[in-house]
Amino acid sequence: QVQLVESGGGLVQAGGSLTLSCAASRRTFGSYAMGWFRQAPGKERDFVAAIRRSYSTTYYTDSVQGRFTISRDNAKNTVYLQMNSLKPEDTAAYYCAASGGEITYGSSRNPRSYDYWGQGTQVTVSS
């Protein structure tokens, strides 16, 4: 069992930046692939970014490519999502997720590829 706790959400003006953190409870954090998803009210949970266990490989949805950066610090059992040039359409609850298996470009986008989920942190971008 892995517990995930997100933090770092908040209210920011368009063009601003936020960094989300997701702390995991397991010391074997390095054996999990990690992802970030987001969900706006009335919409489905959408893929944002993911990082493989071998953390040189990352994946992004097109709408955040070049603006968001996912990274991980295995020594701190933490994955980050650095978000720059934020837009009102980035407003959503952001969730981190952990996969016990390795992920690929295709599987990273499927919520069912992930075994554990955090409770989410709200990001609101004002125009």
N, C-alpha and C. Protein backbone atom coordinates (compact mmCIF):
# COMPACT_ATOMS: atom_id res chain seq x y z
N GLN A 1 0.84 -1.19 0.00
CA GLN A 1 0.00 0.00 0.00
C GLN A 1 0.88 1.25 0.00
N VAL A 2 0.52 2.20 -0.84
CA VAL A 2 1.24 3.47 -0.92
C VAL A 2 0.26 4.60 -0.65
N GLN A 3 0.61 5.46 0.25
CA GLN A 3 -0.19 6.66 0.49
C GLN A 3 0.49 7.85 -0.17
N LEU A 4 -0.31 8.64 -0.87
CA LEU A 4 0.20 9.80 -1.59
C LEU A 4 -0.49 11.05 -1.08
N VAL A 5 0.30 12.07 -0.81
CA VAL A 5 -0.24 13.33 -0.30
C VAL A 5 0.27 14.47 -1.15
N GLU A 6 -0.67 15.15 -1.83
CA GLU A 6 -0.30 16.29 -2.67
C GLU A 6 -0.32 17.57 -1.86
N SER A 7 0.48 18.53 -2.31
CA SER A 7 0.49 19.86 -1.72
C SER A 7 0.96 20.85 -2.76
N GLY A 8 0.77 22.13 -2.46
CA GLY A 8 1.30 23.18 -3.33
C GLY A 8 0.27 23.86 -4.21
N GLY A 9 -0.97 23.40 -4.16
CA GLY A 9 -2.00 24.06 -4.95
C GLY A 9 -2.34 25.43 -4.39
N GLY A 10 -3.14 26.18 -5.16
CA GLY A 10 -3.55 27.50 -4.69
C GLY A 10 -4.12 28.33 -5.82
N LEU A 11 -4.25 29.61 -5.53
CA LEU A 11 -4.79 30.57 -6.50
C LEU A 11 -3.64 31.37 -7.07
N VAL A 12 -3.59 31.47 -8.39
CA VAL A 12 -2.51 32.21 -9.04
C VAL A 12 -3.08 32.93 -10.25
N GLN A 13 -2.48 34.04 -10.61
CA GLN A 13 -2.92 34.77 -11.79
C GLN A 13 -2.38 34.10 -13.06
N ALA A 14 -3.07 34.30 -14.14
CA ALA A 14 -2.61 33.78 -15.42
C ALA A 14 -1.19 34.28 -15.70
N GLY A 15 -0.37 33.37 -16.19
CA GLY A 15 1.04 33.68 -16.43
C GLY A 15 1.94 33.35 -15.26
N GLY A 16 1.35 33.05 -14.13
CA GLY A 16 2.13 32.74 -12.94
C GLY A 16 2.59 31.29 -12.90
N SER A 17 3.20 30.92 -11.77
CA SER A 17 3.78 29.59 -11.61
C SER A 17 3.38 28.99 -10.27
N LEU A 18 3.31 27.68 -10.25
CA LEU A 18 3.12 26.92 -9.03
C LEU A 18 3.92 25.64 -9.14
N THR A 19 4.34 25.11 -8.00
CA THR A 19 4.98 23.80 -7.96
C THR A 19 4.18 22.89 -7.04
N LEU A 20 3.67 21.82 -7.59
CA LEU A 20 2.97 20.82 -6.81
C LEU A 20 3.95 19.75 -6.35
N SER A 21 3.72 19.24 -5.15
CA SER A 21 4.51 18.14 -4.61
C SER A 21 3.59 16.99 -4.26
N CYS A 22 4.13 15.80 -4.35
CA CYS A 22 3.39 14.60 -3.97
C CYS A 22 4.34 13.71 -3.19
N ALA A 23 4.08 13.58 -1.90
CA ALA A 23 4.92 12.77 -1.04
C ALA A 23 4.33 11.38 -0.88
N ALA A 24 5.18 10.38 -1.04
CA ALA A 24 4.75 8.99 -0.93
C ALA A 24 5.22 8.38 0.37
N SER A 25 4.45 7.42 0.85
CA SER A 25 4.73 6.84 2.16
C SER A 25 5.75 5.71 2.12
N ARG A 26 6.00 5.16 0.94
CA ARG A 26 6.84 3.97 0.85
C ARG A 26 8.30 4.31 0.56
N ARG A 27 9.19 3.59 1.23
CA ARG A 27 10.62 3.77 0.96
C ARG A 27 10.99 3.22 -0.38
N THR A 28 10.13 2.35 -0.95
CA THR A 28 10.39 1.79 -2.27
C THR A 28 9.84 2.69 -3.37
N PHE A 29 9.69 3.95 -3.06
CA PHE A 29 9.14 4.93 -4.00
C PHE A 29 9.79 4.83 -5.37
N GLY A 30 11.10 4.59 -5.38
CA GLY A 30 11.82 4.53 -6.64
C GLY A 30 11.37 3.42 -7.58
N SER A 31 10.64 2.45 -7.06
CA SER A 31 10.16 1.36 -7.88
C SER A 31 8.82 1.65 -8.52
N TYR A 32 8.26 2.85 -8.29
CA TYR A 32 6.97 3.23 -8.84
C TYR A 32 7.13 4.27 -9.93
N ALA A 33 6.41 4.06 -11.01
CA ALA A 33 6.24 5.13 -11.99
C ALA A 33 5.17 6.08 -11.44
N MET A 34 5.32 7.37 -11.73
CA MET A 34 4.43 8.36 -11.14
C MET A 34 3.77 9.21 -12.22
N GLY A 35 2.55 9.61 -11.94
CA GLY A 35 1.84 10.45 -12.89
C GLY A 35 1.07 11.56 -12.20
N TRP A 36 0.77 12.59 -12.96
CA TRP A 36 -0.13 13.66 -12.52
C TRP A 36 -1.32 13.70 -13.46
N PHE A 37 -2.50 13.81 -12.88
CA PHE A 37 -3.75 13.97 -13.62
C PHE A 37 -4.47 15.19 -13.07
N ARG A 38 -5.44 15.68 -13.82
CA ARG A 38 -6.24 16.79 -13.32
C ARG A 38 -7.70 16.59 -13.73
N GLN A 39 -8.57 17.17 -12.92
CA GLN A 39 -10.00 17.03 -13.17
C GLN A 39 -10.70 18.34 -12.86
N ALA A 40 -11.31 18.90 -13.88
CA ALA A 40 -12.11 20.11 -13.71
C ALA A 40 -13.55 19.70 -13.39
N PRO A 41 -14.32 20.58 -12.76
CA PRO A 41 -15.70 20.24 -12.41
C PRO A 41 -16.50 19.80 -13.63
N GLY A 42 -17.17 18.66 -13.51
CA GLY A 42 -18.02 18.18 -14.59
C GLY A 42 -17.27 17.51 -15.72
N LYS A 43 -15.96 17.34 -15.56
CA LYS A 43 -15.17 16.73 -16.63
C LYS A 43 -14.46 15.48 -16.14
N GLU A 44 -13.94 14.72 -17.09
CA GLU A 44 -13.21 13.51 -16.74
C GLU A 44 -11.82 13.85 -16.21
N ARG A 45 -11.22 12.86 -15.56
CA ARG A 45 -9.86 13.03 -15.08
C ARG A 45 -8.91 12.85 -16.26
N ASP A 46 -8.10 13.87 -16.51
CA ASP A 46 -7.23 13.89 -17.68
C ASP A 46 -5.76 13.77 -17.31
N PHE A 47 -5.03 13.11 -18.15
CA PHE A 47 -3.59 12.97 -17.98
C PHE A 47 -2.88 14.31 -18.15
N VAL A 48 -1.88 14.55 -17.31
CA VAL A 48 -1.07 15.76 -17.42
C VAL A 48 0.38 15.40 -17.74
N ALA A 49 0.99 14.58 -16.88
CA ALA A 49 2.41 14.25 -17.05
C ALA A 49 2.71 12.97 -16.29
N ALA A 50 3.79 12.32 -16.70
CA ALA A 50 4.22 11.10 -16.01
C ALA A 50 5.73 10.97 -16.11
N ILE A 51 6.28 10.22 -15.16
CA ILE A 51 7.72 9.98 -15.16
C ILE A 51 7.95 8.51 -14.84
N ARG A 52 8.79 7.89 -15.64
CA ARG A 52 9.05 6.48 -15.45
C ARG A 52 9.95 6.25 -14.24
N ARG A 53 10.02 4.97 -13.86
CA ARG A 53 10.90 4.61 -12.74
C ARG A 53 12.34 5.00 -13.07
N SER A 54 12.72 4.77 -14.30
CA SER A 54 14.02 5.24 -14.78
C SER A 54 13.81 6.70 -15.17
N TYR A 55 14.11 7.62 -14.29
CA TYR A 55 13.53 8.95 -14.39
C TYR A 55 14.13 9.89 -15.41
N SER A 56 14.77 9.35 -16.38
CA SER A 56 15.15 10.18 -17.50
C SER A 56 14.05 10.30 -18.53
N THR A 57 13.01 9.50 -18.42
CA THR A 57 11.94 9.50 -19.39
C THR A 57 10.67 10.10 -18.80
N THR A 58 10.16 11.12 -19.47
CA THR A 58 8.94 11.79 -19.03
C THR A 58 7.96 11.90 -20.19
N TYR A 59 6.70 12.03 -19.86
CA TYR A 59 5.63 12.18 -20.84
C TYR A 59 4.73 13.32 -20.43
N TYR A 60 4.18 14.02 -21.43
CA TYR A 60 3.31 15.16 -21.17
C TYR A 60 2.13 15.15 -22.14
N THR A 61 1.01 15.68 -21.68
CA THR A 61 -0.06 15.94 -22.62
C THR A 61 0.32 17.18 -23.43
N ASP A 62 -0.20 17.28 -24.63
CA ASP A 62 0.23 18.35 -25.53
C ASP A 62 0.00 19.75 -24.96
N SER A 63 -1.08 19.92 -24.24
CA SER A 63 -1.46 21.25 -23.78
C SER A 63 -0.52 21.83 -22.71
N VAL A 64 0.29 20.98 -22.09
CA VAL A 64 1.20 21.47 -21.06
C VAL A 64 2.67 21.34 -21.48
N GLN A 65 2.92 20.69 -22.61
CA GLN A 65 4.29 20.52 -23.08
C GLN A 65 4.98 21.87 -23.20
N GLY A 66 6.16 21.98 -22.60
CA GLY A 66 6.91 23.23 -22.64
C GLY A 66 6.58 24.18 -21.51
N ARG A 67 5.48 23.94 -20.80
CA ARG A 67 5.10 24.80 -19.66
C ARG A 67 5.25 24.08 -18.33
N PHE A 68 4.98 22.78 -18.31
CA PHE A 68 5.04 21.99 -17.08
C PHE A 68 6.24 21.06 -17.13
N THR A 69 6.81 20.78 -15.95
CA THR A 69 7.92 19.84 -15.84
C THR A 69 7.67 18.90 -14.67
N ILE A 70 7.70 17.61 -14.95
CA ILE A 70 7.59 16.62 -13.89
C ILE A 70 8.99 16.14 -13.53
N SER A 71 9.20 15.94 -12.23
CA SER A 71 10.50 15.46 -11.76
C SER A 71 10.27 14.65 -10.49
N ARG A 72 11.29 13.91 -10.09
CA ARG A 72 11.16 13.12 -8.88
C ARG A 72 12.46 13.15 -8.10
N ASP A 73 12.33 13.03 -6.79
CA ASP A 73 13.47 12.92 -5.90
C ASP A 73 13.25 11.65 -5.09
N ASN A 74 13.90 10.58 -5.49
CA ASN A 74 13.67 9.29 -4.83
C ASN A 74 14.16 9.29 -3.38
N ALA A 75 15.15 10.11 -3.09
CA ALA A 75 15.65 10.18 -1.71
C ALA A 75 14.61 10.80 -0.78
N LYS A 76 13.74 11.63 -1.35
CA LYS A 76 12.70 12.29 -0.54
C LYS A 76 11.32 11.66 -0.77
N ASN A 77 11.26 10.59 -1.56
CA ASN A 77 9.98 9.93 -1.85
C ASN A 77 8.95 10.92 -2.39
N THR A 78 9.39 11.81 -3.26
CA THR A 78 8.52 12.90 -3.71
C THR A 78 8.60 13.09 -5.23
N VAL A 79 7.45 13.36 -5.81
CA VAL A 79 7.38 13.74 -7.22
C VAL A 79 6.84 15.16 -7.28
N TYR A 80 7.33 15.93 -8.25
CA TYR A 80 6.97 17.33 -8.37
C TYR A 80 6.35 17.60 -9.74
N LEU A 81 5.55 18.67 -9.76
CA LEU A 81 5.05 19.18 -11.04
C LEU A 81 5.24 20.69 -11.01
N GLN A 82 6.26 21.13 -11.73
CA GLN A 82 6.51 22.57 -11.87
C GLN A 82 5.64 23.09 -13.00
N MET A 83 4.80 24.08 -12.68
CA MET A 83 3.86 24.60 -13.66
C MET A 83 4.14 26.08 -13.90
N ASN A 84 4.50 26.42 -15.11
CA ASN A 84 4.80 27.79 -15.50
C ASN A 84 3.79 28.27 -16.54
N SER A 85 3.75 29.57 -16.73
CA SER A 85 2.86 30.18 -17.73
C SER A 85 1.44 29.62 -17.61
N LEU A 86 0.94 29.62 -16.41
CA LEU A 86 -0.37 29.03 -16.16
C LEU A 86 -1.48 29.80 -16.86
N LYS A 87 -2.49 29.06 -17.28
CA LYS A 87 -3.63 29.61 -18.01
C LYS A 87 -4.92 29.28 -17.24
N PRO A 88 -5.96 30.05 -17.42
CA PRO A 88 -7.22 29.74 -16.74
C PRO A 88 -7.70 28.32 -17.03
N GLU A 89 -7.42 27.80 -18.19
CA GLU A 89 -7.87 26.44 -18.52
C GLU A 89 -7.08 25.36 -17.78
N ASP A 90 -6.03 25.75 -17.06
CA ASP A 90 -5.32 24.80 -16.21
C ASP A 90 -6.02 24.61 -14.86
N THR A 91 -7.04 25.39 -14.61
CA THR A 91 -7.78 25.28 -13.35
C THR A 91 -8.40 23.90 -13.20
N ALA A 92 -8.09 23.23 -12.10
CA ALA A 92 -8.59 21.87 -11.86
C ALA A 92 -8.06 21.38 -10.52
N ALA A 93 -8.61 20.26 -10.08
CA ALA A 93 -7.99 19.52 -8.99
C ALA A 93 -6.91 18.63 -9.59
N TYR A 94 -5.74 18.67 -9.01
CA TYR A 94 -4.61 17.91 -9.53
C TYR A 94 -4.34 16.72 -8.60
N TYR A 95 -4.18 15.55 -9.23
CA TYR A 95 -3.97 14.31 -8.49
C TYR A 95 -2.66 13.66 -8.91
N CYS A 96 -1.92 13.15 -7.94
CA CYS A 96 -0.78 12.33 -8.31
C CYS A 96 -1.17 10.86 -8.16
N ALA A 97 -0.47 10.03 -8.89
CA ALA A 97 -0.79 8.61 -8.93
C ALA A 97 0.50 7.81 -9.06
N ALA A 98 0.47 6.60 -8.53
CA ALA A 98 1.64 5.71 -8.56
C ALA A 98 1.28 4.40 -9.24
N SER A 99 2.18 3.96 -10.09
CA SER A 99 2.01 2.67 -10.77
C SER A 99 3.09 1.71 -10.32
N GLY A 100 2.67 0.50 -9.90
CA GLY A 100 3.64 -0.50 -9.47
C GLY A 100 4.40 -1.12 -10.63
N GLY A 101 3.90 -0.92 -11.84
CA GLY A 101 4.59 -1.42 -13.02
C GLY A 101 5.16 -0.27 -13.81
N GLU A 102 6.05 -0.57 -14.72
CA GLU A 102 6.59 0.50 -15.56
C GLU A 102 5.52 0.98 -16.52
N ILE A 103 5.62 2.23 -16.94
CA ILE A 103 4.65 2.81 -17.85
C ILE A 103 5.31 3.09 -19.20
N THR A 104 4.49 3.19 -20.19
CA THR A 104 4.94 3.54 -21.54
C THR A 104 4.24 4.81 -21.97
N TYR A 105 4.59 5.30 -23.14
CA TYR A 105 3.94 6.51 -23.65
C TYR A 105 2.42 6.33 -23.64
N GLY A 106 1.96 5.17 -24.09
CA GLY A 106 0.53 4.95 -24.18
C GLY A 106 -0.12 4.70 -22.83
N SER A 107 0.49 3.84 -22.02
CA SER A 107 -0.15 3.47 -20.76
C SER A 107 -0.12 4.62 -19.76
N SER A 108 0.83 5.53 -19.88
CA SER A 108 0.93 6.62 -18.92
C SER A 108 -0.33 7.48 -18.92
N ARG A 109 -1.05 7.50 -20.01
CA ARG A 109 -2.22 8.36 -20.16
C ARG A 109 -3.50 7.74 -19.63
N ASN A 110 -3.45 6.49 -19.29
CA ASN A 110 -4.63 5.76 -18.84
C ASN A 110 -4.66 5.70 -17.32
N PRO A 111 -5.69 6.29 -16.70
CA PRO A 111 -5.76 6.25 -15.24
C PRO A 111 -5.72 4.83 -14.69
N ARG A 112 -6.18 3.87 -15.46
CA ARG A 112 -6.21 2.48 -14.98
C ARG A 112 -4.82 1.87 -14.88
N SER A 113 -3.81 2.56 -15.41
CA SER A 113 -2.44 2.06 -15.30
C SER A 113 -1.86 2.29 -13.90
N TYR A 114 -2.56 3.07 -13.10
CA TYR A 114 -2.05 3.48 -11.79
C TYR A 114 -2.80 2.76 -10.66
N ASP A 115 -2.04 2.41 -9.65
CA ASP A 115 -2.57 1.61 -8.55
C ASP A 115 -2.99 2.44 -7.34
N TYR A 116 -2.37 3.58 -7.16
CA TYR A 116 -2.62 4.39 -5.96
C TYR A 116 -2.80 5.85 -6.37
N TRP A 117 -3.67 6.53 -5.63
CA TRP A 117 -4.01 7.92 -5.92
C TRP A 117 -3.99 8.76 -4.66
N GLY A 118 -3.59 10.02 -4.84
CA GLY A 118 -3.71 10.96 -3.74
C GLY A 118 -5.09 11.58 -3.70
N GLN A 119 -5.30 12.45 -2.73
CA GLN A 119 -6.60 13.09 -2.54
C GLN A 119 -6.80 14.32 -3.42
N GLY A 120 -5.73 14.83 -3.97
CA GLY A 120 -5.83 15.96 -4.86
C GLY A 120 -5.53 17.29 -4.20
N THR A 121 -5.10 18.24 -5.01
CA THR A 121 -4.87 19.61 -4.57
C THR A 121 -5.42 20.54 -5.63
N GLN A 122 -6.12 21.59 -5.19
CA GLN A 122 -6.81 22.48 -6.13
C GLN A 122 -5.86 23.55 -6.67
N VAL A 123 -5.91 23.73 -7.97
CA VAL A 123 -5.18 24.81 -8.64
C VAL A 123 -6.21 25.68 -9.35
N THR A 124 -6.21 26.96 -9.03
CA THR A 124 -7.13 27.91 -9.65
C THR A 124 -6.32 29.03 -10.29
N VAL A 125 -6.52 29.23 -11.58
CA VAL A 125 -5.80 30.26 -12.32
C VAL A 125 -6.80 31.33 -12.73
N SER A 126 -6.59 32.54 -12.25
CA SER A 126 -7.50 33.63 -12.57
C SER A 126 -7.01 34.38 -13.79
N SER A 127 -7.95 34.91 -14.54
CA SER A 127 -7.59 35.64 -15.78
C SER A 127 -7.40 37.12 -15.51
